[in-house]
């Protein structure tokens, strides 16, 4: 949905970068097996 609704946004690249980084952090903390990995994902997402 973001690809289509943000098409005419002037800062859509910036949005996508933050969107993807938040996604990576979210997935990392879900799959984390140890505390440092969980905290890294949680901080990246936040």
ModelCIF file with pLDDT and N, C-alpha, C, O atoms, coordinates in Angstrom:
data_MODEL
#
_entry.id   MODEL 
#
_entity.id                         1 
_entity.type                       polymer 
_entity.pdbx_number_of_molecules   1 
#
_entity_poly.entity_id                      1 
_entity_poly.type                           'polypeptide(L)' 
_entity_poly.nstd_linkage                   no 
_entity_poly.nstd_monomer                   no 
_entity_poly.pdbx_seq_one_letter_code       
;(UNK)(UNK)(UNK)(UNK)(UNK)(UNK)(UNK)(UNK)(UNK)(UNK)(UNK)(UNK)(UNK)(UNK)(UNK)(UNK)
(UNK)(UNK)(UNK)(UNK)(UNK)(UNK)(UNK)(UNK)(UNK)(UNK)(UNK)(UNK)(UNK)(UNK)(UNK)(UNK)
(UNK)(UNK)(UNK)(UNK)(UNK)(UNK)(UNK)(UNK)(UNK)(UNK)(UNK)(UNK)(UNK)(UNK)
;
_entity_poly.pdbx_seq_one_letter_code_can   XXXXXXXXXXXXXXXXXXXXXXXXXXXXXXXXXXXXXXXXXXXXXX 
_entity_poly.pdbx_strand_id                 A 
#
loop_
_entity_poly_seq.entity_id 
_entity_poly_seq.num 
_entity_poly_seq.mon_id 
_entity_poly_seq.hetero 
1 1  UNK n 
1 2  UNK n 
1 3  UNK n 
1 4  UNK n 
1 5  UNK n 
1 6  UNK n 
1 7  UNK n 
1 8  UNK n 
1 9  UNK n 
1 10 UNK n 
1 11 UNK n 
1 12 UNK n 
1 13 UNK n 
1 14 UNK n 
1 15 UNK n 
1 16 UNK n 
1 17 UNK n 
1 18 UNK n 
1 19 UNK n 
1 20 UNK n 
1 21 UNK n 
1 22 UNK n 
1 23 UNK n 
1 24 UNK n 
1 25 UNK n 
1 26 UNK n 
1 27 UNK n 
1 28 UNK n 
1 29 UNK n 
1 30 UNK n 
1 31 UNK n 
1 32 UNK n 
1 33 UNK n 
1 34 UNK n 
1 35 UNK n 
1 36 UNK n 
1 37 UNK n 
1 38 UNK n 
1 39 UNK n 
1 40 UNK n 
1 41 UNK n 
1 42 UNK n 
1 43 UNK n 
1 44 UNK n 
1 45 UNK n 
1 46 UNK n 
#
_struct_asym.id          A 
_struct_asym.entity_id   1 
#
loop_
_ma_qa_metric.id 
_ma_qa_metric.mode 
_ma_qa_metric.name 
_ma_qa_metric.software_group_id 
_ma_qa_metric.type 
1 global pLDDT . pLDDT 
2 local  pLDDT . pLDDT 
#
_ma_qa_metric_global.metric_id      1 
_ma_qa_metric_global.metric_value   91.80 
_ma_qa_metric_global.model_id       1 
_ma_qa_metric_global.ordinal_id     1 
#
loop_
_ma_qa_metric_local.label_asym_id 
_ma_qa_metric_local.label_comp_id 
_ma_qa_metric_local.label_seq_id 
_ma_qa_metric_local.metric_id 
_ma_qa_metric_local.metric_value 
_ma_qa_metric_local.model_id 
_ma_qa_metric_local.ordinal_id 
A UNK 1  2 91.00 1 1  
A UNK 2  2 89.00 1 2  
A UNK 3  2 85.00 1 3  
A UNK 4  2 83.00 1 4  
A UNK 5  2 82.00 1 5  
A UNK 6  2 78.00 1 6  
A UNK 7  2 76.00 1 7  
A UNK 8  2 76.00 1 8  
A UNK 9  2 76.00 1 9  
A UNK 10 2 76.00 1 10 
A UNK 11 2 84.00 1 11 
A UNK 12 2 88.00 1 12 
A UNK 13 2 90.00 1 13 
A UNK 14 2 91.00 1 14 
A UNK 15 2 93.00 1 15 
A UNK 16 2 94.00 1 16 
A UNK 17 2 94.00 1 17 
A UNK 18 2 95.00 1 18 
A UNK 19 2 96.00 1 19 
A UNK 20 2 96.00 1 20 
A UNK 21 2 97.00 1 21 
A UNK 22 2 96.00 1 22 
A UNK 23 2 97.00 1 23 
A UNK 24 2 97.00 1 24 
A UNK 25 2 97.00 1 25 
A UNK 26 2 97.00 1 26 
A UNK 27 2 98.00 1 27 
A UNK 28 2 97.00 1 28 
A UNK 29 2 96.00 1 29 
A UNK 30 2 97.00 1 30 
A UNK 31 2 97.00 1 31 
A UNK 32 2 96.00 1 32 
A UNK 33 2 95.00 1 33 
A UNK 34 2 93.00 1 34 
A UNK 35 2 94.00 1 35 
A UNK 36 2 94.00 1 36 
A UNK 37 2 95.00 1 37 
A UNK 38 2 96.00 1 38 
A UNK 39 2 96.00 1 39 
A UNK 40 2 96.00 1 40 
A UNK 41 2 96.00 1 41 
A UNK 42 2 95.00 1 42 
A UNK 43 2 95.00 1 43 
A UNK 44 2 96.00 1 44 
A UNK 45 2 95.00 1 45 
A UNK 46 2 92.00 1 46 
#
loop_
_atom_site.group_PDB 
_atom_site.id 
_atom_site.type_symbol 
_atom_site.label_atom_id 
_atom_site.label_alt_id 
_atom_site.label_comp_id 
_atom_site.label_asym_id 
_atom_site.label_entity_id 
_atom_site.label_seq_id 
_atom_site.pdbx_PDB_ins_code 
_atom_site.Cartn_x 
_atom_site.Cartn_y 
_atom_site.Cartn_z 
_atom_site.occupancy 
_atom_site.B_iso_or_equiv 
_atom_site.pdbx_formal_charge 
_atom_site.auth_seq_id 
_atom_site.auth_comp_id 
_atom_site.auth_asym_id 
_atom_site.auth_atom_id 
_atom_site.pdbx_PDB_model_num 
ATOM 1   N N  . UNK A 1 1  ? 0.824  -1.205  0.000  1.00 91.00 ? 1  UNK A N  1 
ATOM 2   C CA . UNK A 1 1  ? 0.000  0.000   0.000  1.00 91.00 ? 1  UNK A CA 1 
ATOM 3   C C  . UNK A 1 1  ? 0.859  1.255   0.000  1.00 91.00 ? 1  UNK A C  1 
ATOM 4   O O  . UNK A 1 1  ? 0.522  2.247   -0.647 1.00 91.00 ? 1  UNK A O  1 
ATOM 5   N N  . UNK A 1 2  ? 1.980  1.208   0.736  1.00 89.00 ? 2  UNK A N  1 
ATOM 6   C CA . UNK A 1 2  ? 2.861  2.372   0.826  1.00 89.00 ? 2  UNK A CA 1 
ATOM 7   C C  . UNK A 1 2  ? 3.445  2.734   -0.536 1.00 89.00 ? 2  UNK A C  1 
ATOM 8   O O  . UNK A 1 2  ? 3.584  3.915   -0.854 1.00 89.00 ? 2  UNK A O  1 
ATOM 9   N N  . UNK A 1 3  ? 3.789  1.725   -1.350 1.00 85.00 ? 3  UNK A N  1 
ATOM 10  C CA . UNK A 1 3  ? 4.367  1.990   -2.669 1.00 85.00 ? 3  UNK A CA 1 
ATOM 11  C C  . UNK A 1 3  ? 3.398  2.819   -3.509 1.00 85.00 ? 3  UNK A C  1 
ATOM 12  O O  . UNK A 1 3  ? 3.820  3.696   -4.262 1.00 85.00 ? 3  UNK A O  1 
ATOM 13  N N  . UNK A 1 4  ? 2.098  2.541   -3.381 1.00 83.00 ? 4  UNK A N  1 
ATOM 14  C CA . UNK A 1 4  ? 1.099  3.237   -4.197 1.00 83.00 ? 4  UNK A CA 1 
ATOM 15  C C  . UNK A 1 4  ? 0.669  4.559   -3.571 1.00 83.00 ? 4  UNK A C  1 
ATOM 16  O O  . UNK A 1 4  ? 0.601  5.573   -4.266 1.00 83.00 ? 4  UNK A O  1 
ATOM 17  N N  . UNK A 1 5  ? 0.378  4.567   -2.278 1.00 82.00 ? 5  UNK A N  1 
ATOM 18  C CA . UNK A 1 5  ? -0.172 5.785   -1.674 1.00 82.00 ? 5  UNK A CA 1 
ATOM 19  C C  . UNK A 1 5  ? 0.889  6.859   -1.466 1.00 82.00 ? 5  UNK A C  1 
ATOM 20  O O  . UNK A 1 5  ? 0.553  8.037   -1.340 1.00 82.00 ? 5  UNK A O  1 
ATOM 21  N N  . UNK A 1 6  ? 2.180  6.469   -1.429 1.00 78.00 ? 6  UNK A N  1 
ATOM 22  C CA . UNK A 1 6  ? 3.241  7.447   -1.238 1.00 78.00 ? 6  UNK A CA 1 
ATOM 23  C C  . UNK A 1 6  ? 3.893  7.855   -2.559 1.00 78.00 ? 6  UNK A C  1 
ATOM 24  O O  . UNK A 1 6  ? 4.925  8.525   -2.560 1.00 78.00 ? 6  UNK A O  1 
ATOM 25  N N  . UNK A 1 7  ? 3.303  7.457   -3.666 1.00 76.00 ? 7  UNK A N  1 
ATOM 26  C CA . UNK A 1 7  ? 3.924  7.661   -4.968 1.00 76.00 ? 7  UNK A CA 1 
ATOM 27  C C  . UNK A 1 7  ? 4.194  9.132   -5.272 1.00 76.00 ? 7  UNK A C  1 
ATOM 28  O O  . UNK A 1 7  ? 5.207  9.465   -5.889 1.00 76.00 ? 7  UNK A O  1 
ATOM 29  N N  . UNK A 1 8  ? 3.299  10.006  -4.845 1.00 76.00 ? 8  UNK A N  1 
ATOM 30  C CA . UNK A 1 8  ? 3.448  11.430  -5.153 1.00 76.00 ? 8  UNK A CA 1 
ATOM 31  C C  . UNK A 1 8  ? 4.057  12.226  -4.008 1.00 76.00 ? 8  UNK A C  1 
ATOM 32  O O  . UNK A 1 8  ? 4.114  13.454  -4.067 1.00 76.00 ? 8  UNK A O  1 
ATOM 33  N N  . UNK A 1 9  ? 4.508  11.546  -2.980 1.00 76.00 ? 9  UNK A N  1 
ATOM 34  C CA . UNK A 1 9  ? 5.146  12.215  -1.852 1.00 76.00 ? 9  UNK A CA 1 
ATOM 35  C C  . UNK A 1 9  ? 6.545  12.682  -2.235 1.00 76.00 ? 9  UNK A C  1 
ATOM 36  O O  . UNK A 1 9  ? 7.273  11.982  -2.939 1.00 76.00 ? 9  UNK A O  1 
ATOM 37  N N  . UNK A 1 10 ? 6.910  13.865  -1.767 1.00 76.00 ? 10 UNK A N  1 
ATOM 38  C CA . UNK A 1 10 ? 8.230  14.406  -2.115 1.00 76.00 ? 10 UNK A CA 1 
ATOM 39  C C  . UNK A 1 10 ? 9.358  13.693  -1.374 1.00 76.00 ? 10 UNK A C  1 
ATOM 40  O O  . UNK A 1 10 ? 10.489 13.670  -1.859 1.00 76.00 ? 10 UNK A O  1 
ATOM 41  N N  . UNK A 1 11 ? 9.075  13.112  -0.214 1.00 84.00 ? 11 UNK A N  1 
ATOM 42  C CA . UNK A 1 11 ? 10.105 12.444  0.575  1.00 84.00 ? 11 UNK A CA 1 
ATOM 43  C C  . UNK A 1 11 ? 9.812  10.944  0.701  1.00 84.00 ? 11 UNK A C  1 
ATOM 44  O O  . UNK A 1 11 ? 9.994  10.352  1.765  1.00 84.00 ? 11 UNK A O  1 
ATOM 45  N N  . UNK A 1 12 ? 9.365  10.354  -0.381 1.00 88.00 ? 12 UNK A N  1 
ATOM 46  C CA . UNK A 1 12 ? 8.950  8.950   -0.300 1.00 88.00 ? 12 UNK A CA 1 
ATOM 47  C C  . UNK A 1 12 ? 10.147 8.010   -0.107 1.00 88.00 ? 12 UNK A C  1 
ATOM 48  O O  . UNK A 1 12 ? 10.000 6.954   0.509  1.00 88.00 ? 12 UNK A O  1 
ATOM 49  N N  . UNK A 1 13 ? 11.332 8.377   -0.625 1.00 90.00 ? 13 UNK A N  1 
ATOM 50  C CA . UNK A 1 13 ? 12.506 7.534   -0.418 1.00 90.00 ? 13 UNK A CA 1 
ATOM 51  C C  . UNK A 1 13 ? 12.868 7.498   1.060  1.00 90.00 ? 13 UNK A C  1 
ATOM 52  O O  . UNK A 1 13 ? 13.160 6.434   1.607  1.00 90.00 ? 13 UNK A O  1 
ATOM 53  N N  . UNK A 1 14 ? 12.850 8.653   1.699  1.00 91.00 ? 14 UNK A N  1 
ATOM 54  C CA . UNK A 1 14 ? 13.128 8.717   3.137  1.00 91.00 ? 14 UNK A CA 1 
ATOM 55  C C  . UNK A 1 14 ? 12.133 7.868   3.912  1.00 91.00 ? 14 UNK A C  1 
ATOM 56  O O  . UNK A 1 14 ? 12.510 7.158   4.845  1.00 91.00 ? 14 UNK A O  1 
ATOM 57  N N  . UNK A 1 15 ? 10.861 7.939   3.529  1.00 93.00 ? 15 UNK A N  1 
ATOM 58  C CA . UNK A 1 15 ? 9.836  7.130   4.189  1.00 93.00 ? 15 UNK A CA 1 
ATOM 59  C C  . UNK A 1 15 ? 10.154 5.651   4.045  1.00 93.00 ? 15 UNK A C  1 
ATOM 60  O O  . UNK A 1 15 ? 10.082 4.910   5.025  1.00 93.00 ? 15 UNK A O  1 
ATOM 61  N N  . UNK A 1 16 ? 10.505 5.207   2.843  1.00 94.00 ? 16 UNK A N  1 
ATOM 62  C CA . UNK A 1 16 ? 10.764 3.794   2.608  1.00 94.00 ? 16 UNK A CA 1 
ATOM 63  C C  . UNK A 1 16 ? 11.961 3.303   3.416  1.00 94.00 ? 16 UNK A C  1 
ATOM 64  O O  . UNK A 1 16 ? 11.952 2.182   3.923  1.00 94.00 ? 16 UNK A O  1 
ATOM 65  N N  . UNK A 1 17 ? 12.975 4.127   3.535  1.00 94.00 ? 17 UNK A N  1 
ATOM 66  C CA . UNK A 1 17 ? 14.158 3.720   4.310  1.00 94.00 ? 17 UNK A CA 1 
ATOM 67  C C  . UNK A 1 17 ? 13.794 3.489   5.772  1.00 94.00 ? 17 UNK A C  1 
ATOM 68  O O  . UNK A 1 17 ? 14.171 2.471   6.353  1.00 94.00 ? 17 UNK A O  1 
ATOM 69  N N  . UNK A 1 18 ? 13.059 4.432   6.370  1.00 95.00 ? 18 UNK A N  1 
ATOM 70  C CA . UNK A 1 18 ? 12.649 4.253   7.762  1.00 95.00 ? 18 UNK A CA 1 
ATOM 71  C C  . UNK A 1 18 ? 11.674 3.085   7.906  1.00 95.00 ? 18 UNK A C  1 
ATOM 72  O O  . UNK A 1 18 ? 11.714 2.357   8.898  1.00 95.00 ? 18 UNK A O  1 
ATOM 73  N N  . UNK A 1 19 ? 10.810 2.911   6.929  1.00 96.00 ? 19 UNK A N  1 
ATOM 74  C CA . UNK A 1 19 ? 9.846  1.811   6.940  1.00 96.00 ? 19 UNK A CA 1 
ATOM 75  C C  . UNK A 1 19 ? 10.571 0.466   6.942  1.00 96.00 ? 19 UNK A C  1 
ATOM 76  O O  . UNK A 1 19 ? 10.231 -0.427  7.718  1.00 96.00 ? 19 UNK A O  1 
ATOM 77  N N  . UNK A 1 20 ? 11.564 0.328   6.076  1.00 96.00 ? 20 UNK A N  1 
ATOM 78  C CA . UNK A 1 20 ? 12.296 -0.930  5.959  1.00 96.00 ? 20 UNK A CA 1 
ATOM 79  C C  . UNK A 1 20 ? 13.176 -1.199  7.175  1.00 96.00 ? 20 UNK A C  1 
ATOM 80  O O  . UNK A 1 20 ? 13.291 -2.342  7.616  1.00 96.00 ? 20 UNK A O  1 
ATOM 81  N N  . UNK A 1 21 ? 13.797 -0.156  7.720  1.00 97.00 ? 21 UNK A N  1 
ATOM 82  C CA . UNK A 1 21 ? 14.609 -0.336  8.924  1.00 97.00 ? 21 UNK A CA 1 
ATOM 83  C C  . UNK A 1 21 ? 13.745 -0.763  10.108 1.00 97.00 ? 21 UNK A C  1 
ATOM 84  O O  . UNK A 1 21 ? 14.147 -1.614  10.902 1.00 97.00 ? 21 UNK A O  1 
ATOM 85  N N  . UNK A 1 22 ? 12.562 -0.173  10.221 1.00 96.00 ? 22 UNK A N  1 
ATOM 86  C CA . UNK A 1 22 ? 11.636 -0.569  11.291 1.00 96.00 ? 22 UNK A CA 1 
ATOM 87  C C  . UNK A 1 22 ? 11.211 -2.021  11.128 1.00 96.00 ? 22 UNK A C  1 
ATOM 88  O O  . UNK A 1 22 ? 11.110 -2.759  12.107 1.00 96.00 ? 22 UNK A O  1 
ATOM 89  N N  . UNK A 1 23 ? 10.964 -2.425  9.890  1.00 97.00 ? 23 UNK A N  1 
ATOM 90  C CA . UNK A 1 23 ? 10.591 -3.812  9.604  1.00 97.00 ? 23 UNK A CA 1 
ATOM 91  C C  . UNK A 1 23 ? 11.700 -4.769  10.007 1.00 97.00 ? 23 UNK A C  1 
ATOM 92  O O  . UNK A 1 23 ? 11.442 -5.793  10.640 1.00 97.00 ? 23 UNK A O  1 
ATOM 93  N N  . UNK A 1 24 ? 12.933 -4.438  9.643  1.00 97.00 ? 24 UNK A N  1 
ATOM 94  C CA . UNK A 1 24 ? 14.062 -5.312  9.976  1.00 97.00 ? 24 UNK A CA 1 
ATOM 95  C C  . UNK A 1 24 ? 14.207 -5.467  11.487 1.00 97.00 ? 24 UNK A C  1 
ATOM 96  O O  . UNK A 1 24 ? 14.425 -6.574  11.981 1.00 97.00 ? 24 UNK A O  1 
ATOM 97  N N  . UNK A 1 25 ? 14.087 -4.359  12.222 1.00 97.00 ? 25 UNK A N  1 
ATOM 98  C CA . UNK A 1 25 ? 14.180 -4.431  13.675 1.00 97.00 ? 25 UNK A CA 1 
ATOM 99  C C  . UNK A 1 25 ? 13.069 -5.260  14.279 1.00 97.00 ? 25 UNK A C  1 
ATOM 100 O O  . UNK A 1 25 ? 13.297 -6.020  15.220 1.00 97.00 ? 25 UNK A O  1 
ATOM 101 N N  . UNK A 1 26 ? 11.856 -5.120  13.739 1.00 97.00 ? 26 UNK A N  1 
ATOM 102 C CA . UNK A 1 26 ? 10.713 -5.880  14.227 1.00 97.00 ? 26 UNK A CA 1 
ATOM 103 C C  . UNK A 1 26 ? 10.931 -7.383  14.057 1.00 97.00 ? 26 UNK A C  1 
ATOM 104 O O  . UNK A 1 26 ? 10.687 -8.160  14.981 1.00 97.00 ? 26 UNK A O  1 
ATOM 105 N N  . UNK A 1 27 ? 11.391 -7.787  12.874 1.00 98.00 ? 27 UNK A N  1 
ATOM 106 C CA . UNK A 1 27 ? 11.631 -9.205  12.621 1.00 98.00 ? 27 UNK A CA 1 
ATOM 107 C C  . UNK A 1 27 ? 12.795 -9.733  13.463 1.00 98.00 ? 27 UNK A C  1 
ATOM 108 O O  . UNK A 1 27 ? 12.763 -10.869 13.935 1.00 98.00 ? 27 UNK A O  1 
ATOM 109 N N  . UNK A 1 28 ? 13.828 -8.894  13.648 1.00 97.00 ? 28 UNK A N  1 
ATOM 110 C CA . UNK A 1 28 ? 14.988 -9.332  14.417 1.00 97.00 ? 28 UNK A CA 1 
ATOM 111 C C  . UNK A 1 28 ? 14.612 -9.624  15.863 1.00 97.00 ? 28 UNK A C  1 
ATOM 112 O O  . UNK A 1 28 ? 15.043 -10.637 16.414 1.00 97.00 ? 28 UNK A O  1 
ATOM 113 N N  . UNK A 1 29 ? 13.819 -8.758  16.488 1.00 96.00 ? 29 UNK A N  1 
ATOM 114 C CA . UNK A 1 29 ? 13.481 -8.982  17.896 1.00 96.00 ? 29 UNK A CA 1 
ATOM 115 C C  . UNK A 1 29 ? 12.544 -10.182 18.067 1.00 96.00 ? 29 UNK A C  1 
ATOM 116 O O  . UNK A 1 29 ? 12.582 -10.861 19.093 1.00 96.00 ? 29 UNK A O  1 
ATOM 117 N N  . UNK A 1 30 ? 11.710 -10.438 17.066 1.00 97.00 ? 30 UNK A N  1 
ATOM 118 C CA . UNK A 1 30 ? 10.810 -11.586 17.145 1.00 97.00 ? 30 UNK A CA 1 
ATOM 119 C C  . UNK A 1 30 ? 11.596 -12.896 17.112 1.00 97.00 ? 30 UNK A C  1 
ATOM 120 O O  . UNK A 1 30 ? 11.271 -13.838 17.834 1.00 97.00 ? 30 UNK A O  1 
ATOM 121 N N  . UNK A 1 31 ? 12.625 -12.952 16.276 1.00 97.00 ? 31 UNK A N  1 
ATOM 122 C CA . UNK A 1 31 ? 13.404 -14.178 16.098 1.00 97.00 ? 31 UNK A CA 1 
ATOM 123 C C  . UNK A 1 31 ? 14.602 -14.276 17.035 1.00 97.00 ? 31 UNK A C  1 
ATOM 124 O O  . UNK A 1 31 ? 15.285 -15.299 17.058 1.00 97.00 ? 31 UNK A O  1 
ATOM 125 N N  . UNK A 1 32 ? 14.866 -13.217 17.811 1.00 96.00 ? 32 UNK A N  1 
ATOM 126 C CA . UNK A 1 32 ? 16.064 -13.172 18.648 1.00 96.00 ? 32 UNK A CA 1 
ATOM 127 C C  . UNK A 1 32 ? 16.110 -14.331 19.639 1.00 96.00 ? 32 UNK A C  1 
ATOM 128 O O  . UNK A 1 32 ? 15.111 -14.695 20.259 1.00 96.00 ? 32 UNK A O  1 
ATOM 129 N N  . UNK A 1 33 ? 17.319 -14.899 19.762 1.00 95.00 ? 33 UNK A N  1 
ATOM 130 C CA . UNK A 1 33 ? 17.523 -16.009 20.704 1.00 95.00 ? 33 UNK A CA 1 
ATOM 131 C C  . UNK A 1 33 ? 18.259 -15.558 21.961 1.00 95.00 ? 33 UNK A C  1 
ATOM 132 O O  . UNK A 1 33 ? 18.192 -16.218 22.998 1.00 95.00 ? 33 UNK A O  1 
ATOM 133 N N  . UNK A 1 34 ? 18.963 -14.427 21.865 1.00 93.00 ? 34 UNK A N  1 
ATOM 134 C CA . UNK A 1 34 ? 19.707 -13.935 23.008 1.00 93.00 ? 34 UNK A CA 1 
ATOM 135 C C  . UNK A 1 34 ? 19.374 -12.464 23.274 1.00 93.00 ? 34 UNK A C  1 
ATOM 136 O O  . UNK A 1 34 ? 18.756 -11.801 22.441 1.00 93.00 ? 34 UNK A O  1 
ATOM 137 N N  . UNK A 1 35 ? 19.781 -11.969 24.423 1.00 94.00 ? 35 UNK A N  1 
ATOM 138 C CA . UNK A 1 35 ? 19.447 -10.605 24.832 1.00 94.00 ? 35 UNK A CA 1 
ATOM 139 C C  . UNK A 1 35 ? 20.047 -9.547  23.902 1.00 94.00 ? 35 UNK A C  1 
ATOM 140 O O  . UNK A 1 35 ? 19.321 -8.634  23.509 1.00 94.00 ? 35 UNK A O  1 
ATOM 141 N N  . UNK A 1 36 ? 21.341 -9.616  23.526 1.00 94.00 ? 36 UNK A N  1 
ATOM 142 C CA . UNK A 1 36 ? 21.888 -8.571  22.648 1.00 94.00 ? 36 UNK A CA 1 
ATOM 143 C C  . UNK A 1 36 ? 21.157 -8.467  21.311 1.00 94.00 ? 36 UNK A C  1 
ATOM 144 O O  . UNK A 1 36 ? 20.927 -7.362  20.821 1.00 94.00 ? 36 UNK A O  1 
ATOM 145 N N  . UNK A 1 37 ? 20.788 -9.601  20.715 1.00 95.00 ? 37 UNK A N  1 
ATOM 146 C CA . UNK A 1 37 ? 20.076 -9.566  19.440 1.00 95.00 ? 37 UNK A CA 1 
ATOM 147 C C  . UNK A 1 37 ? 18.689 -8.966  19.619 1.00 95.00 ? 37 UNK A C  1 
ATOM 148 O O  . UNK A 1 37 ? 18.249 -8.160  18.799 1.00 95.00 ? 37 UNK A O  1 
ATOM 149 N N  . UNK A 1 38 ? 17.999 -9.355  20.688 1.00 96.00 ? 38 UNK A N  1 
ATOM 150 C CA . UNK A 1 38 ? 16.672 -8.799  20.954 1.00 96.00 ? 38 UNK A CA 1 
ATOM 151 C C  . UNK A 1 38 ? 16.756 -7.289  21.151 1.00 96.00 ? 38 UNK A C  1 
ATOM 152 O O  . UNK A 1 38 ? 15.971 -6.535  20.577 1.00 96.00 ? 38 UNK A O  1 
ATOM 153 N N  . UNK A 1 39 ? 17.705 -6.861  21.957 1.00 96.00 ? 39 UNK A N  1 
ATOM 154 C CA . UNK A 1 39 ? 17.820 -5.427  22.246 1.00 96.00 ? 39 UNK A CA 1 
ATOM 155 C C  . UNK A 1 39 ? 18.191 -4.639  20.991 1.00 96.00 ? 39 UNK A C  1 
ATOM 156 O O  . UNK A 1 39 ? 17.690 -3.533  20.787 1.00 96.00 ? 39 UNK A O  1 
ATOM 157 N N  . UNK A 1 40 ? 19.059 -5.192  20.152 1.00 96.00 ? 40 UNK A N  1 
ATOM 158 C CA . UNK A 1 40 ? 19.445 -4.520  18.912 1.00 96.00 ? 40 UNK A CA 1 
ATOM 159 C C  . UNK A 1 40 ? 18.235 -4.329  18.003 1.00 96.00 ? 40 UNK A C  1 
ATOM 160 O O  . UNK A 1 40 ? 18.030 -3.249  17.449 1.00 96.00 ? 40 UNK A O  1 
ATOM 161 N N  . UNK A 1 41 ? 17.429 -5.392  17.852 1.00 96.00 ? 41 UNK A N  1 
ATOM 162 C CA . UNK A 1 41 ? 16.236 -5.280  17.024 1.00 96.00 ? 41 UNK A CA 1 
ATOM 163 C C  . UNK A 1 41 ? 15.224 -4.312  17.604 1.00 96.00 ? 41 UNK A C  1 
ATOM 164 O O  . UNK A 1 41 ? 14.606 -3.540  16.871 1.00 96.00 ? 41 UNK A O  1 
ATOM 165 N N  . UNK A 1 42 ? 15.052 -4.349  18.914 1.00 95.00 ? 42 UNK A N  1 
ATOM 166 C CA . UNK A 1 42 ? 14.090 -3.472  19.572 1.00 95.00 ? 42 UNK A CA 1 
ATOM 167 C C  . UNK A 1 42 ? 14.500 -2.008  19.415 1.00 95.00 ? 42 UNK A C  1 
ATOM 168 O O  . UNK A 1 42 ? 13.658 -1.151  19.147 1.00 95.00 ? 42 UNK A O  1 
ATOM 169 N N  . UNK A 1 43 ? 15.801 -1.721  19.583 1.00 95.00 ? 43 UNK A N  1 
ATOM 170 C CA . UNK A 1 43 ? 16.293 -0.347  19.451 1.00 95.00 ? 43 UNK A CA 1 
ATOM 171 C C  . UNK A 1 43 ? 16.188 0.138   18.010 1.00 95.00 ? 43 UNK A C  1 
ATOM 172 O O  . UNK A 1 43 ? 15.784 1.275   17.767 1.00 95.00 ? 43 UNK A O  1 
ATOM 173 N N  . UNK A 1 44 ? 16.548 -0.714  17.056 1.00 96.00 ? 44 UNK A N  1 
ATOM 174 C CA . UNK A 1 44 ? 16.454 -0.335  15.649 1.00 96.00 ? 44 UNK A CA 1 
ATOM 175 C C  . UNK A 1 44 ? 15.016 -0.001  15.273 1.00 96.00 ? 44 UNK A C  1 
ATOM 176 O O  . UNK A 1 44 ? 14.759 1.016   14.628 1.00 96.00 ? 44 UNK A O  1 
ATOM 177 N N  . UNK A 1 45 ? 14.084 -0.854  15.675 1.00 95.00 ? 45 UNK A N  1 
ATOM 178 C CA . UNK A 1 45 ? 12.676 -0.606  15.377 1.00 95.00 ? 45 UNK A CA 1 
ATOM 179 C C  . UNK A 1 45 ? 12.187 0.675   16.042 1.00 95.00 ? 45 UNK A C  1 
ATOM 180 O O  . UNK A 1 45 ? 11.501 1.483   15.415 1.00 95.00 ? 45 UNK A O  1 
ATOM 181 N N  . UNK A 1 46 ? 12.540 0.859   17.312 1.00 92.00 ? 46 UNK A N  1 
ATOM 182 C CA . UNK A 1 46 ? 12.033 2.004   18.059 1.00 92.00 ? 46 UNK A CA 1 
ATOM 183 C C  . UNK A 1 46 ? 12.502 3.333   17.505 1.00 92.00 ? 46 UNK A C  1 
ATOM 184 O O  . UNK A 1 46 ? 12.149 4.384   18.040 1.00 92.00 ? 46 UNK A O  1 
#
